[in-house]
């Protein structure tokens, strides 16, 4: 949709008629303790879960601290990875299957460089979804949210209550919206010459 208010860089807001729910913004986290593990801590993604491996002797406070550290590291790694158009289309299919029972079937999903005032757009009649190249390098949960937003437009063209109900299934909606609003706000800040050169 060309008039998608979420994707206008200056007006990322939800309509007043229906608000998406406040999600926790977190994937399921499973902490696995090992008696063989002495000092090292590691983490990886397994589908929708994050697995954190820690030594069995760690206290609950240490566990919490290391889970936070490892989640931060995973998100930093993921934000550096750039998906190609093929991977983006595959990701859209997985998200549709996971959150919309596979009902949203895009004909094409691709990155574009001509969307500087919107994060993404969708043409339901053609089944095409385009994401702004400015999303590349942002955390995966943000890209996933924008993809889901555009996939939802294949099922509900406008931004009414039915549209927002579709997005209720995604637990990181509020966090992703906050991230994008922060990017927009940062872009509006005046540039102080030489501030980064020191």
N, C-alpha and C. Protein backbone atom coordinates (compact mmCIF):
# COMPACT_ATOMS: atom_id res chain seq x y z
N UNK A 1 0.85 -1.17 0.00
CA UNK A 1 0.00 0.00 0.00
C UNK A 1 0.89 1.22 0.00
N UNK A 2 0.65 2.13 -0.90
CA UNK A 2 1.51 3.30 -0.99
C UNK A 2 1.29 4.28 0.13
N UNK A 3 0.11 4.27 0.76
CA UNK A 3 -0.17 5.24 1.82
C UNK A 3 -0.06 4.60 3.20
N UNK A 4 0.83 3.68 3.36
CA UNK A 4 0.99 2.94 4.60
C UNK A 4 1.60 3.84 5.68
N UNK A 5 0.84 4.22 6.73
CA UNK A 5 1.36 5.17 7.69
C UNK A 5 2.54 4.64 8.51
N UNK A 6 2.64 3.34 8.73
CA UNK A 6 3.77 2.82 9.48
C UNK A 6 5.07 3.11 8.77
N UNK A 7 5.05 3.02 7.47
CA UNK A 7 6.30 3.08 6.72
C UNK A 7 6.67 4.46 6.25
N UNK A 8 5.89 5.47 6.59
CA UNK A 8 6.31 6.83 6.33
C UNK A 8 7.28 7.22 7.41
N UNK A 9 8.49 7.57 7.03
CA UNK A 9 9.53 7.83 8.02
C UNK A 9 9.11 8.89 9.03
N UNK A 10 8.28 9.83 8.64
CA UNK A 10 7.91 10.88 9.57
C UNK A 10 6.70 10.57 10.41
N UNK A 11 5.93 9.51 10.08
CA UNK A 11 4.69 9.26 10.81
C UNK A 11 4.47 7.80 11.16
N UNK A 12 5.45 7.13 11.83
CA UNK A 12 5.19 5.74 12.18
C UNK A 12 4.28 5.66 13.39
N UNK A 13 2.99 5.49 13.16
CA UNK A 13 2.04 5.43 14.25
C UNK A 13 0.95 4.43 13.93
N UNK A 14 0.22 4.00 14.94
CA UNK A 14 -0.89 3.07 14.72
C UNK A 14 -2.18 3.86 14.70
N UNK A 15 -3.22 3.36 14.04
CA UNK A 15 -4.47 4.09 13.99
C UNK A 15 -5.14 4.11 15.36
N UNK A 16 -5.93 5.14 15.66
CA UNK A 16 -6.52 5.24 16.98
C UNK A 16 -7.61 4.20 17.22
N UNK A 17 -8.18 3.59 16.17
CA UNK A 17 -9.30 2.68 16.35
C UNK A 17 -8.91 1.36 17.00
N UNK A 18 -7.66 0.87 16.77
CA UNK A 18 -7.26 -0.41 17.32
C UNK A 18 -5.77 -0.44 17.50
N UNK A 19 -5.32 -0.87 18.66
CA UNK A 19 -3.90 -0.90 18.92
C UNK A 19 -3.42 -2.33 19.02
N UNK A 20 -2.21 -2.60 18.48
CA UNK A 20 -1.67 -3.92 18.68
C UNK A 20 -1.32 -4.09 20.15
N UNK A 21 -1.29 -5.34 20.63
CA UNK A 21 -1.02 -5.54 22.04
C UNK A 21 0.42 -5.28 22.39
N UNK A 22 0.68 -5.07 23.66
CA UNK A 22 2.05 -4.94 24.13
C UNK A 22 2.64 -6.33 24.24
N UNK A 23 3.62 -6.63 23.41
CA UNK A 23 4.27 -7.94 23.48
C UNK A 23 5.48 -7.86 24.38
N UNK A 24 5.95 -8.98 24.86
CA UNK A 24 7.12 -8.99 25.72
C UNK A 24 8.37 -8.67 24.93
N UNK A 25 8.31 -8.87 23.59
CA UNK A 25 9.46 -8.59 22.76
C UNK A 25 10.53 -9.66 22.84
N UNK A 26 10.28 -10.77 23.52
CA UNK A 26 11.31 -11.77 23.68
C UNK A 26 10.89 -13.10 23.09
N UNK A 27 11.88 -13.83 22.53
CA UNK A 27 11.64 -15.20 22.11
C UNK A 27 11.65 -16.08 23.35
N UNK A 28 11.23 -17.32 23.19
CA UNK A 28 11.35 -18.28 24.29
C UNK A 28 12.83 -18.52 24.53
N UNK A 29 13.23 -18.50 25.79
CA UNK A 29 14.64 -18.70 26.14
C UNK A 29 14.74 -19.97 26.96
N UNK A 30 15.65 -20.84 26.55
CA UNK A 30 15.89 -22.07 27.30
C UNK A 30 17.33 -22.06 27.77
N UNK A 31 17.52 -22.16 29.08
CA UNK A 31 18.86 -22.20 29.66
C UNK A 31 19.18 -23.66 29.96
N UNK A 32 20.30 -24.11 29.42
CA UNK A 32 20.74 -25.49 29.65
C UNK A 32 22.03 -25.46 30.47
N UNK A 33 22.00 -26.11 31.63
CA UNK A 33 23.17 -26.19 32.50
C UNK A 33 23.92 -27.49 32.21
N UNK A 34 25.25 -27.39 32.24
CA UNK A 34 26.07 -28.58 31.96
C UNK A 34 27.16 -28.70 33.01
N UNK A 35 27.33 -29.92 33.56
CA UNK A 35 28.40 -30.16 34.53
C UNK A 35 29.75 -30.22 33.84
N UNK A 36 29.76 -30.52 32.56
CA UNK A 36 31.03 -30.56 31.81
C UNK A 36 31.54 -29.18 31.44
N UNK A 37 30.63 -28.23 31.39
CA UNK A 37 30.99 -26.86 31.02
C UNK A 37 31.53 -26.16 32.27
N UNK A 38 32.76 -25.66 32.21
CA UNK A 38 33.39 -25.05 33.39
C UNK A 38 33.26 -23.52 33.40
N UNK A 39 33.67 -22.86 32.32
CA UNK A 39 33.68 -21.41 32.31
C UNK A 39 32.92 -20.80 31.15
N UNK A 40 32.86 -21.50 30.05
CA UNK A 40 32.31 -20.89 28.84
C UNK A 40 30.79 -20.84 28.85
N UNK A 41 30.29 -19.81 28.19
CA UNK A 41 28.85 -19.62 27.99
C UNK A 41 28.65 -19.44 26.50
N UNK A 42 27.64 -20.09 25.94
CA UNK A 42 27.35 -19.90 24.51
C UNK A 42 25.84 -19.85 24.31
N UNK A 43 25.45 -19.37 23.14
CA UNK A 43 24.02 -19.25 22.83
C UNK A 43 23.82 -19.38 21.33
N UNK A 44 22.65 -19.88 20.96
CA UNK A 44 22.30 -20.00 19.55
C UNK A 44 20.79 -19.99 19.41
N UNK A 45 20.33 -19.73 18.19
CA UNK A 45 18.89 -19.75 17.90
C UNK A 45 18.52 -21.14 17.40
N UNK A 46 17.36 -21.59 17.84
CA UNK A 46 16.82 -22.88 17.38
C UNK A 46 15.35 -22.63 17.08
N UNK A 47 15.05 -22.32 15.82
CA UNK A 47 13.69 -21.93 15.46
C UNK A 47 13.31 -20.66 16.18
N UNK A 48 12.21 -20.70 16.93
CA UNK A 48 11.75 -19.53 17.68
C UNK A 48 12.34 -19.46 19.08
N UNK A 49 13.23 -20.37 19.39
CA UNK A 49 13.82 -20.42 20.73
C UNK A 49 15.25 -19.95 20.72
N UNK A 50 15.70 -19.41 21.84
CA UNK A 50 17.10 -19.08 22.04
C UNK A 50 17.61 -20.03 23.12
N UNK A 51 18.66 -20.76 22.79
CA UNK A 51 19.25 -21.71 23.72
C UNK A 51 20.52 -21.08 24.28
N UNK A 52 20.62 -21.03 25.62
CA UNK A 52 21.82 -20.49 26.27
C UNK A 52 22.43 -21.63 27.10
N UNK A 53 23.70 -21.93 26.83
CA UNK A 53 24.41 -23.01 27.51
C UNK A 53 25.35 -22.41 28.55
N UNK A 54 25.19 -22.83 29.82
CA UNK A 54 26.00 -22.28 30.91
C UNK A 54 26.53 -23.41 31.80
N UNK A 55 27.58 -23.12 32.60
CA UNK A 55 28.05 -24.12 33.56
C UNK A 55 27.00 -24.38 34.64
N UNK A 56 26.92 -25.60 35.11
CA UNK A 56 25.92 -26.00 36.10
C UNK A 56 26.09 -25.24 37.41
N UNK A 57 27.31 -24.85 37.77
CA UNK A 57 27.58 -24.23 39.06
C UNK A 57 27.17 -22.76 39.15
N UNK A 58 26.72 -22.16 38.07
CA UNK A 58 26.38 -20.73 38.08
C UNK A 58 25.19 -20.43 38.98
N UNK A 59 25.27 -19.28 39.66
CA UNK A 59 24.14 -18.84 40.49
C UNK A 59 23.03 -18.30 39.58
N UNK A 60 21.86 -18.08 40.15
CA UNK A 60 20.75 -17.53 39.36
C UNK A 60 21.07 -16.12 38.88
N UNK A 61 21.75 -15.34 39.71
CA UNK A 61 22.12 -13.97 39.32
C UNK A 61 23.10 -13.99 38.15
N UNK A 62 24.10 -14.91 38.20
CA UNK A 62 25.05 -15.04 37.09
C UNK A 62 24.34 -15.51 35.83
N UNK A 63 23.41 -16.45 36.00
CA UNK A 63 22.64 -16.95 34.86
C UNK A 63 21.91 -15.80 34.17
N UNK A 64 21.21 -14.98 34.97
CA UNK A 64 20.45 -13.86 34.39
C UNK A 64 21.38 -12.90 33.65
N UNK A 65 22.52 -12.58 34.28
CA UNK A 65 23.47 -11.65 33.65
C UNK A 65 23.98 -12.22 32.33
N UNK A 66 24.34 -13.52 32.32
CA UNK A 66 24.88 -14.11 31.10
C UNK A 66 23.82 -14.28 30.02
N UNK A 67 22.59 -14.55 30.40
CA UNK A 67 21.53 -14.63 29.40
C UNK A 67 21.40 -13.27 28.71
N UNK A 68 21.39 -12.18 29.49
CA UNK A 68 21.31 -10.83 28.90
C UNK A 68 22.48 -10.56 27.97
N UNK A 69 23.69 -10.92 28.43
CA UNK A 69 24.90 -10.69 27.61
C UNK A 69 24.80 -11.46 26.29
N UNK A 70 24.41 -12.73 26.37
CA UNK A 70 24.37 -13.56 25.17
C UNK A 70 23.27 -13.15 24.21
N UNK A 71 22.13 -12.70 24.74
CA UNK A 71 21.07 -12.19 23.86
C UNK A 71 21.55 -10.97 23.11
N UNK A 72 22.27 -10.09 23.80
CA UNK A 72 22.84 -8.90 23.15
C UNK A 72 23.82 -9.27 22.04
N UNK A 73 24.67 -10.27 22.33
CA UNK A 73 25.64 -10.70 21.32
C UNK A 73 24.95 -11.30 20.10
N UNK A 74 23.93 -12.13 20.33
CA UNK A 74 23.21 -12.73 19.21
C UNK A 74 22.56 -11.66 18.34
N UNK A 75 21.92 -10.68 18.99
CA UNK A 75 21.26 -9.63 18.21
C UNK A 75 22.27 -8.80 17.43
N UNK A 76 23.45 -8.55 18.02
CA UNK A 76 24.49 -7.80 17.32
C UNK A 76 24.97 -8.57 16.09
N UNK A 77 25.16 -9.90 16.25
CA UNK A 77 25.58 -10.72 15.11
C UNK A 77 24.52 -10.71 14.01
N UNK A 78 23.26 -10.86 14.41
CA UNK A 78 22.18 -10.92 13.43
C UNK A 78 22.01 -9.60 12.70
N UNK A 79 22.26 -8.50 13.38
CA UNK A 79 22.07 -7.20 12.73
C UNK A 79 23.12 -6.94 11.67
N UNK A 80 24.26 -7.66 11.73
CA UNK A 80 25.31 -7.47 10.73
C UNK A 80 25.06 -8.30 9.47
N UNK A 81 24.20 -9.32 9.59
CA UNK A 81 23.93 -10.20 8.47
C UNK A 81 22.89 -9.58 7.55
N UNK A 82 23.18 -9.50 6.28
CA UNK A 82 22.24 -8.93 5.32
C UNK A 82 21.64 -10.06 4.48
N UNK A 83 20.32 -10.12 4.46
CA UNK A 83 19.63 -11.12 3.67
C UNK A 83 19.56 -10.69 2.21
N UNK A 84 19.73 -11.62 1.29
CA UNK A 84 19.51 -11.33 -0.12
C UNK A 84 18.03 -11.44 -0.43
N UNK A 85 17.63 -11.11 -1.66
CA UNK A 85 16.22 -11.18 -2.04
C UNK A 85 15.64 -12.59 -1.88
N UNK A 86 16.42 -13.61 -2.25
CA UNK A 86 15.94 -14.99 -2.14
C UNK A 86 15.70 -15.35 -0.68
N UNK A 87 16.66 -15.01 0.19
CA UNK A 87 16.50 -15.28 1.62
C UNK A 87 15.34 -14.50 2.21
N UNK A 88 15.16 -13.28 1.72
CA UNK A 88 14.06 -12.44 2.21
C UNK A 88 12.71 -13.08 1.85
N UNK A 89 12.60 -13.59 0.63
CA UNK A 89 11.36 -14.25 0.19
C UNK A 89 11.12 -15.52 1.01
N UNK A 90 12.18 -16.29 1.28
CA UNK A 90 12.03 -17.50 2.10
C UNK A 90 11.61 -17.14 3.52
N UNK A 91 12.18 -16.07 4.03
CA UNK A 91 11.82 -15.61 5.39
C UNK A 91 10.35 -15.21 5.43
N UNK A 92 9.88 -14.53 4.39
CA UNK A 92 8.47 -14.12 4.32
C UNK A 92 7.56 -15.35 4.33
N UNK A 93 7.94 -16.39 3.59
CA UNK A 93 7.14 -17.62 3.58
C UNK A 93 7.08 -18.27 4.96
N UNK A 94 8.23 -18.31 5.64
CA UNK A 94 8.26 -18.90 6.99
C UNK A 94 7.39 -18.09 7.96
N UNK A 95 7.49 -16.77 7.88
CA UNK A 95 6.69 -15.91 8.76
C UNK A 95 5.20 -16.07 8.49
N UNK A 96 4.83 -16.16 7.22
CA UNK A 96 3.43 -16.36 6.86
C UNK A 96 2.92 -17.68 7.43
N UNK A 97 3.74 -18.74 7.31
CA UNK A 97 3.34 -20.04 7.85
C UNK A 97 3.21 -20.00 9.37
N UNK A 98 4.13 -19.31 10.01
CA UNK A 98 4.16 -19.29 11.47
C UNK A 98 3.05 -18.44 12.08
N UNK A 99 2.77 -17.27 11.47
CA UNK A 99 1.85 -16.32 12.08
C UNK A 99 0.50 -16.20 11.37
N UNK A 100 0.45 -16.53 10.08
CA UNK A 100 -0.80 -16.38 9.33
C UNK A 100 -1.29 -17.68 8.72
N UNK A 101 -0.82 -18.81 9.23
CA UNK A 101 -1.21 -20.13 8.73
C UNK A 101 -0.95 -20.29 7.23
N UNK A 102 0.04 -19.57 6.72
CA UNK A 102 0.41 -19.66 5.31
C UNK A 102 -0.54 -18.99 4.35
N UNK A 103 -1.50 -18.21 4.88
CA UNK A 103 -2.50 -17.59 4.01
C UNK A 103 -1.95 -16.42 3.19
N UNK A 104 -0.92 -15.74 3.70
CA UNK A 104 -0.32 -14.62 2.95
C UNK A 104 0.74 -15.19 2.03
N UNK A 105 0.47 -15.13 0.73
CA UNK A 105 1.38 -15.71 -0.26
C UNK A 105 1.87 -14.65 -1.23
N UNK A 106 2.99 -14.04 -0.93
CA UNK A 106 3.50 -13.00 -1.83
C UNK A 106 4.02 -13.58 -3.14
N UNK A 107 3.81 -12.84 -4.23
CA UNK A 107 4.37 -13.24 -5.51
C UNK A 107 5.84 -12.89 -5.60
N UNK A 108 6.23 -11.80 -4.95
CA UNK A 108 7.63 -11.40 -4.92
C UNK A 108 7.91 -10.61 -3.65
N UNK A 109 9.13 -10.78 -3.15
CA UNK A 109 9.60 -10.04 -1.98
C UNK A 109 11.03 -9.63 -2.30
N UNK A 110 11.31 -8.32 -2.21
CA UNK A 110 12.65 -7.88 -2.57
C UNK A 110 13.02 -6.58 -1.87
N UNK A 111 14.32 -6.33 -1.82
CA UNK A 111 14.84 -5.06 -1.32
C UNK A 111 14.77 -4.02 -2.43
N UNK A 112 14.52 -2.79 -2.07
CA UNK A 112 14.55 -1.70 -3.06
C UNK A 112 15.31 -0.52 -2.46
N UNK A 113 15.90 0.29 -3.33
CA UNK A 113 16.68 1.44 -2.87
C UNK A 113 15.95 2.76 -3.10
N UNK A 114 14.71 2.71 -3.61
CA UNK A 114 13.99 3.95 -3.90
C UNK A 114 12.92 4.28 -2.85
N UNK A 115 12.97 3.63 -1.68
CA UNK A 115 12.01 3.92 -0.62
C UNK A 115 12.76 4.55 0.55
N UNK A 116 12.84 5.86 0.53
CA UNK A 116 13.56 6.56 1.59
C UNK A 116 12.62 7.17 2.62
N UNK A 117 11.32 7.15 2.36
CA UNK A 117 10.36 7.70 3.32
C UNK A 117 9.44 6.64 3.89
N UNK A 118 9.59 5.40 3.42
CA UNK A 118 8.79 4.28 3.94
C UNK A 118 9.70 3.11 4.22
N UNK A 119 9.33 2.29 5.20
CA UNK A 119 10.11 1.10 5.51
C UNK A 119 9.77 -0.04 4.56
N UNK A 120 8.58 -0.05 4.05
CA UNK A 120 8.18 -1.10 3.13
C UNK A 120 6.90 -0.74 2.44
N UNK A 121 6.54 -1.51 1.43
CA UNK A 121 5.28 -1.29 0.72
C UNK A 121 4.80 -2.61 0.15
N UNK A 122 3.50 -2.64 -0.10
CA UNK A 122 2.87 -3.85 -0.60
C UNK A 122 1.84 -3.47 -1.65
N UNK A 123 1.80 -4.21 -2.74
CA UNK A 123 0.77 -4.06 -3.76
C UNK A 123 -0.03 -5.35 -3.77
N UNK A 124 -1.15 -5.40 -3.02
CA UNK A 124 -1.92 -6.65 -2.90
C UNK A 124 -2.35 -7.24 -4.23
N UNK A 125 -2.74 -6.38 -5.20
CA UNK A 125 -3.21 -6.89 -6.50
C UNK A 125 -2.13 -7.70 -7.21
N UNK A 126 -0.87 -7.31 -7.01
CA UNK A 126 0.25 -8.02 -7.65
C UNK A 126 0.90 -9.03 -6.71
N UNK A 127 0.59 -8.93 -5.43
CA UNK A 127 1.23 -9.79 -4.44
C UNK A 127 2.69 -9.46 -4.23
N UNK A 128 3.06 -8.20 -4.49
CA UNK A 128 4.47 -7.83 -4.37
C UNK A 128 4.73 -7.05 -3.08
N UNK A 129 5.86 -7.38 -2.46
CA UNK A 129 6.30 -6.71 -1.24
C UNK A 129 7.70 -6.17 -1.49
N UNK A 130 7.91 -4.92 -1.10
CA UNK A 130 9.20 -4.28 -1.24
C UNK A 130 9.61 -3.71 0.11
N UNK A 131 10.86 -4.00 0.51
CA UNK A 131 11.38 -3.44 1.76
C UNK A 131 12.51 -2.47 1.45
N UNK A 132 12.54 -1.38 2.19
CA UNK A 132 13.58 -0.38 2.00
C UNK A 132 14.95 -0.95 2.38
N UNK A 133 15.94 -0.62 1.59
CA UNK A 133 17.31 -1.05 1.87
C UNK A 133 17.80 -0.51 3.22
N UNK A 134 17.13 0.54 3.74
CA UNK A 134 17.53 1.12 5.03
C UNK A 134 17.32 0.13 6.18
N UNK A 135 16.50 -0.91 5.97
CA UNK A 135 16.28 -1.93 7.01
C UNK A 135 17.45 -2.91 7.10
N UNK A 136 18.27 -2.97 6.05
CA UNK A 136 19.38 -3.91 6.05
C UNK A 136 20.35 -3.55 7.18
N UNK A 137 20.70 -4.53 7.95
CA UNK A 137 21.59 -4.29 9.08
C UNK A 137 20.85 -4.02 10.38
N UNK A 138 19.52 -3.84 10.31
CA UNK A 138 18.74 -3.69 11.54
C UNK A 138 18.50 -5.08 12.13
N UNK A 139 18.17 -5.16 13.42
CA UNK A 139 17.93 -6.49 14.03
C UNK A 139 16.87 -7.28 13.28
N UNK A 140 17.03 -8.60 13.29
CA UNK A 140 16.11 -9.47 12.55
C UNK A 140 14.66 -9.29 12.98
N UNK A 141 14.42 -9.06 14.28
CA UNK A 141 13.04 -8.93 14.72
C UNK A 141 12.37 -7.70 14.11
N UNK A 142 13.16 -6.68 13.77
CA UNK A 142 12.61 -5.47 13.13
C UNK A 142 12.25 -5.78 11.68
N UNK A 143 13.16 -6.44 10.97
CA UNK A 143 12.89 -6.84 9.58
C UNK A 143 11.69 -7.77 9.54
N UNK A 144 11.63 -8.71 10.49
CA UNK A 144 10.49 -9.63 10.54
C UNK A 144 9.19 -8.88 10.75
N UNK A 145 9.20 -7.89 11.62
CA UNK A 145 7.98 -7.12 11.87
C UNK A 145 7.51 -6.40 10.60
N UNK A 146 8.44 -5.76 9.88
CA UNK A 146 8.05 -5.04 8.66
C UNK A 146 7.55 -6.04 7.62
N UNK A 147 8.22 -7.19 7.51
CA UNK A 147 7.74 -8.23 6.58
C UNK A 147 6.33 -8.68 6.94
N UNK A 148 6.09 -8.94 8.23
CA UNK A 148 4.76 -9.36 8.67
C UNK A 148 3.73 -8.28 8.41
N UNK A 149 4.11 -7.03 8.62
CA UNK A 149 3.20 -5.91 8.37
C UNK A 149 2.76 -5.93 6.90
N UNK A 150 3.73 -6.12 6.01
CA UNK A 150 3.42 -6.13 4.58
C UNK A 150 2.67 -7.41 4.18
N UNK A 151 3.03 -8.54 4.79
CA UNK A 151 2.29 -9.78 4.52
C UNK A 151 0.83 -9.63 4.95
N UNK A 152 0.60 -8.95 6.07
CA UNK A 152 -0.77 -8.73 6.55
C UNK A 152 -1.58 -7.93 5.54
N UNK A 153 -0.90 -7.04 4.80
CA UNK A 153 -1.61 -6.25 3.77
C UNK A 153 -2.10 -7.12 2.61
N UNK A 154 -1.48 -8.28 2.42
CA UNK A 154 -1.99 -9.20 1.39
C UNK A 154 -3.33 -9.78 1.80
N UNK A 155 -3.59 -9.80 3.10
CA UNK A 155 -4.85 -10.34 3.62
C UNK A 155 -5.86 -9.25 3.95
N UNK A 156 -5.38 -8.12 4.44
CA UNK A 156 -6.24 -6.98 4.79
C UNK A 156 -5.55 -5.72 4.27
N UNK A 157 -6.06 -5.10 3.20
CA UNK A 157 -5.37 -3.96 2.59
C UNK A 157 -5.20 -2.72 3.50
N UNK A 158 -6.17 -2.39 4.32
CA UNK A 158 -6.08 -1.16 5.12
C UNK A 158 -5.45 -1.38 6.49
N UNK A 159 -5.61 -0.38 7.37
CA UNK A 159 -5.06 -0.45 8.71
C UNK A 159 -6.16 -0.46 9.77
N UNK A 160 -7.26 -1.13 9.49
CA UNK A 160 -8.36 -1.20 10.44
C UNK A 160 -8.13 -2.25 11.51
N UNK A 161 -9.13 -2.48 12.35
CA UNK A 161 -9.01 -3.45 13.45
C UNK A 161 -8.62 -4.85 12.99
N UNK A 162 -9.15 -5.30 11.85
CA UNK A 162 -8.81 -6.65 11.36
C UNK A 162 -7.33 -6.76 11.04
N UNK A 163 -6.77 -5.69 10.49
CA UNK A 163 -5.35 -5.68 10.17
C UNK A 163 -4.51 -5.83 11.44
N UNK A 164 -4.81 -5.01 12.46
CA UNK A 164 -4.01 -5.05 13.69
C UNK A 164 -4.20 -6.36 14.44
N UNK A 165 -5.38 -6.96 14.31
CA UNK A 165 -5.60 -8.27 14.95
C UNK A 165 -4.65 -9.32 14.37
N UNK A 166 -4.39 -9.23 13.07
CA UNK A 166 -3.45 -10.17 12.46
C UNK A 166 -2.06 -10.05 13.08
N UNK A 167 -1.65 -8.82 13.36
CA UNK A 167 -0.30 -8.60 13.89
C UNK A 167 -0.19 -8.91 15.38
N UNK A 168 -1.31 -9.15 16.04
CA UNK A 168 -1.28 -9.48 17.47
C UNK A 168 -0.48 -10.75 17.74
N UNK A 169 -0.40 -11.62 16.74
CA UNK A 169 0.31 -12.89 16.93
C UNK A 169 1.82 -12.70 17.09
N UNK A 170 2.36 -11.60 16.57
CA UNK A 170 3.81 -11.39 16.63
C UNK A 170 4.18 -10.72 17.95
N UNK A 171 4.94 -11.40 18.82
CA UNK A 171 5.20 -10.87 20.16
C UNK A 171 6.14 -9.67 20.22
N UNK A 172 6.84 -9.37 19.13
CA UNK A 172 7.81 -8.28 19.19
C UNK A 172 7.33 -7.03 18.46
N UNK A 173 6.03 -6.93 18.24
CA UNK A 173 5.47 -5.79 17.53
C UNK A 173 5.85 -4.47 18.19
N UNK A 174 5.57 -4.32 19.48
CA UNK A 174 5.84 -3.04 20.15
C UNK A 174 7.32 -2.71 20.15
N UNK A 175 8.15 -3.72 20.38
CA UNK A 175 9.60 -3.47 20.41
C UNK A 175 10.10 -3.02 19.04
N UNK A 176 9.63 -3.68 17.99
CA UNK A 176 10.06 -3.31 16.63
C UNK A 176 9.57 -1.91 16.27
N UNK A 177 8.33 -1.59 16.62
CA UNK A 177 7.80 -0.26 16.33
C UNK A 177 8.62 0.80 17.07
N UNK A 178 8.97 0.50 18.33
CA UNK A 178 9.78 1.43 19.11
C UNK A 178 11.15 1.65 18.48
N UNK A 179 11.74 0.58 17.98
CA UNK A 179 13.05 0.67 17.32
C UNK A 179 12.96 1.58 16.10
N UNK A 180 11.95 1.33 15.25
CA UNK A 180 11.79 2.13 14.04
C UNK A 180 11.49 3.60 14.37
N UNK A 181 10.67 3.83 15.40
CA UNK A 181 10.39 5.21 15.80
C UNK A 181 11.66 5.89 16.30
N UNK A 182 12.53 5.12 16.98
CA UNK A 182 13.80 5.67 17.44
C UNK A 182 14.71 6.05 16.28
N UNK A 183 14.72 5.22 15.24
CA UNK A 183 15.53 5.54 14.05
C UNK A 183 15.03 6.83 13.40
N UNK A 184 13.71 6.95 13.29
CA UNK A 184 13.13 8.16 12.70
C UNK A 184 13.49 9.38 13.53
N UNK A 185 13.37 9.26 14.85
CA UNK A 185 13.68 10.39 15.74
C UNK A 185 15.15 10.77 15.62
N UNK A 186 16.05 9.78 15.56
CA UNK A 186 17.48 10.05 15.45
C UNK A 186 17.80 10.76 14.14
N UNK A 187 17.10 10.39 13.06
CA UNK A 187 17.32 11.05 11.77
C UNK A 187 16.95 12.52 11.81
N UNK A 188 16.04 12.88 12.71
CA UNK A 188 15.60 14.28 12.78
C UNK A 188 16.52 15.16 13.64
N UNK A 189 17.40 14.52 14.42
CA UNK A 189 18.29 15.30 15.28
C UNK A 189 19.25 16.11 14.43
N UNK A 190 19.56 17.34 14.87
CA UNK A 190 20.51 18.15 14.11
C UNK A 190 21.91 17.54 14.17
N UNK A 191 22.62 17.62 13.09
CA UNK A 191 23.98 17.11 13.03
C UNK A 191 24.92 18.16 13.64
N UNK A 192 25.72 17.74 14.60
CA UNK A 192 26.69 18.65 15.20
C UNK A 192 28.02 18.42 14.49
N UNK A 193 28.50 19.39 13.73
CA UNK A 193 29.76 19.21 12.99
C UNK A 193 30.91 18.82 13.92
N UNK A 194 31.65 17.80 13.54
CA UNK A 194 32.83 17.40 14.29
C UNK A 194 32.55 16.56 15.52
N UNK A 195 31.27 16.32 15.84
CA UNK A 195 30.96 15.59 17.08
C UNK A 195 31.51 14.17 17.06
N UNK A 196 31.47 13.52 15.91
CA UNK A 196 31.93 12.13 15.84
C UNK A 196 33.42 12.04 15.51
N UNK A 197 34.00 13.15 15.16
CA UNK A 197 35.41 13.13 14.74
C UNK A 197 36.35 13.18 15.92
N UNK A 198 35.86 13.48 17.11
CA UNK A 198 36.73 13.61 18.28
C UNK A 198 37.09 12.27 18.84
